[in-house]
Amino acid sequence: MDSATSTVECHLDTINNCFEGSSMAKIAKKLDRSAATVHAQIHSHDESIEKTGYCAECRRVKETHEATKVTDRQIVEKTALQHS
């Protein structure tokens, strides 16, 4: 596996775990990455969506979250909890 493939896989694993509801700390531990790496992947994903409307790394592998920001998911969940 080359470094480009491992970078995309790291990104996808991180983003998928976010959408499954895992915290950054749990993702870092599960994927044996630093919390800073997890944060950078989330920031990169969300920033790409803000600029272009999609995440290129997710789109490349036809990931379902290619146009959904992680921060948007978290805001929706917090709002839902406040109204329940």
Protein backbone atom coordinates (compact mmCIF):
# COMPACT_ATOMS: atom_id res chain seq x y z
CA MET A 1 0.00 0.00 0.00
CA ASP A 2 1.44 3.36 -0.97
CA SER A 3 1.27 6.47 1.21
CA ALA A 4 -1.50 8.06 -0.90
CA THR A 5 -3.70 5.00 -0.36
CA SER A 6 -3.00 4.91 3.35
CA THR A 7 -3.78 8.63 3.65
CA VAL A 8 -7.14 8.17 1.92
CA GLU A 9 -7.92 5.13 4.06
CA CYS A 10 -7.01 7.05 7.22
CA HIS A 11 -9.29 9.89 6.10
CA LEU A 12 -12.19 7.56 5.30
CA ASP A 13 -11.83 5.60 8.54
CA THR A 14 -11.79 8.83 10.51
CA ILE A 15 -14.81 10.36 8.77
CA ASN A 16 -16.84 7.14 8.89
CA ASN A 17 -16.17 6.79 12.60
CA CYS A 18 -17.30 10.39 13.13
CA PHE A 19 -20.59 9.68 11.40
CA GLU A 20 -21.01 6.54 13.51
CA GLY A 21 -20.94 8.82 16.55
CA SER A 22 -17.44 8.16 17.88
CA SER A 23 -15.57 10.93 19.66
CA MET A 24 -12.20 12.16 18.42
CA ALA A 25 -10.49 10.46 21.37
CA LYS A 26 -12.15 7.11 20.62
CA ILE A 27 -11.31 7.39 16.92
CA ALA A 28 -7.67 8.20 17.70
CA LYS A 29 -7.40 5.19 19.99
CA LYS A 30 -9.24 2.85 17.62
CA LEU A 31 -7.16 3.84 14.58
CA ASP A 32 -3.90 4.20 16.54
CA ARG A 33 -3.57 7.83 15.47
CA SER A 34 -3.00 10.98 17.42
CA ALA A 35 -5.92 13.22 18.31
CA ALA A 36 -4.22 15.90 16.19
CA THR A 37 -4.33 13.64 13.12
CA VAL A 38 -8.02 12.92 13.67
CA HIS A 39 -8.74 16.62 14.10
CA ALA A 40 -6.78 17.45 10.93
CA GLN A 41 -8.75 14.88 8.90
CA ILE A 42 -12.07 16.28 10.12
CA HIS A 43 -10.95 19.85 9.46
CA SER A 44 -9.72 18.93 5.97
CA HIS A 45 -13.01 17.17 5.17
CA ASP A 46 -15.19 20.06 6.35
CA GLU A 47 -12.99 22.73 4.76
CA SER A 48 -13.07 20.96 1.39
CA ILE A 49 -16.87 20.83 1.52
CA GLU A 50 -17.03 24.53 2.37
CA LYS A 51 -14.83 25.42 -0.60
CA THR A 52 -16.08 23.03 -3.29
CA GLY A 53 -19.29 21.49 -2.01
CA TYR A 54 -17.73 18.04 -1.58
CA CYS A 55 -14.73 16.24 -0.14
CA ALA A 56 -12.46 15.07 -2.98
CA GLU A 57 -11.03 12.17 -0.96
CA CYS A 58 -14.50 10.86 -0.14
CA ARG A 59 -15.74 11.41 -3.69
CA ARG A 60 -12.78 9.51 -5.12
CA VAL A 61 -14.07 6.31 -3.47
CA LYS A 62 -17.78 7.17 -3.71
CA GLU A 63 -18.18 7.67 0.03
CA THR A 64 -21.72 8.59 1.14
CA HIS A 65 -20.51 11.48 3.33
CA GLU A 66 -18.76 13.33 0.51
CA ALA A 67 -20.97 16.41 0.85
CA THR A 68 -21.80 16.34 4.58
CA LYS A 69 -19.65 18.24 7.00
CA VAL A 70 -18.85 16.53 10.28
CA THR A 71 -19.59 19.74 12.17
CA ASP A 72 -23.07 19.89 10.57
CA ARG A 73 -23.80 16.38 11.88
CA GLN A 74 -22.69 17.35 15.36
CA ILE A 75 -24.82 20.52 15.35
CA VAL A 76 -27.90 18.55 14.25
CA GLU A 77 -27.35 15.96 16.99
CA LYS A 78 -26.89 18.61 19.71
CA THR A 79 -30.02 20.45 18.57
CA ALA A 80 -32.03 17.21 18.59
CA LEU A 81 -30.85 16.45 22.13
CA GLN A 82 -31.80 19.92 23.34
CA HIS A 83 -35.34 19.53 21.99
CA SER A 84 -35.96 16.09 23.46
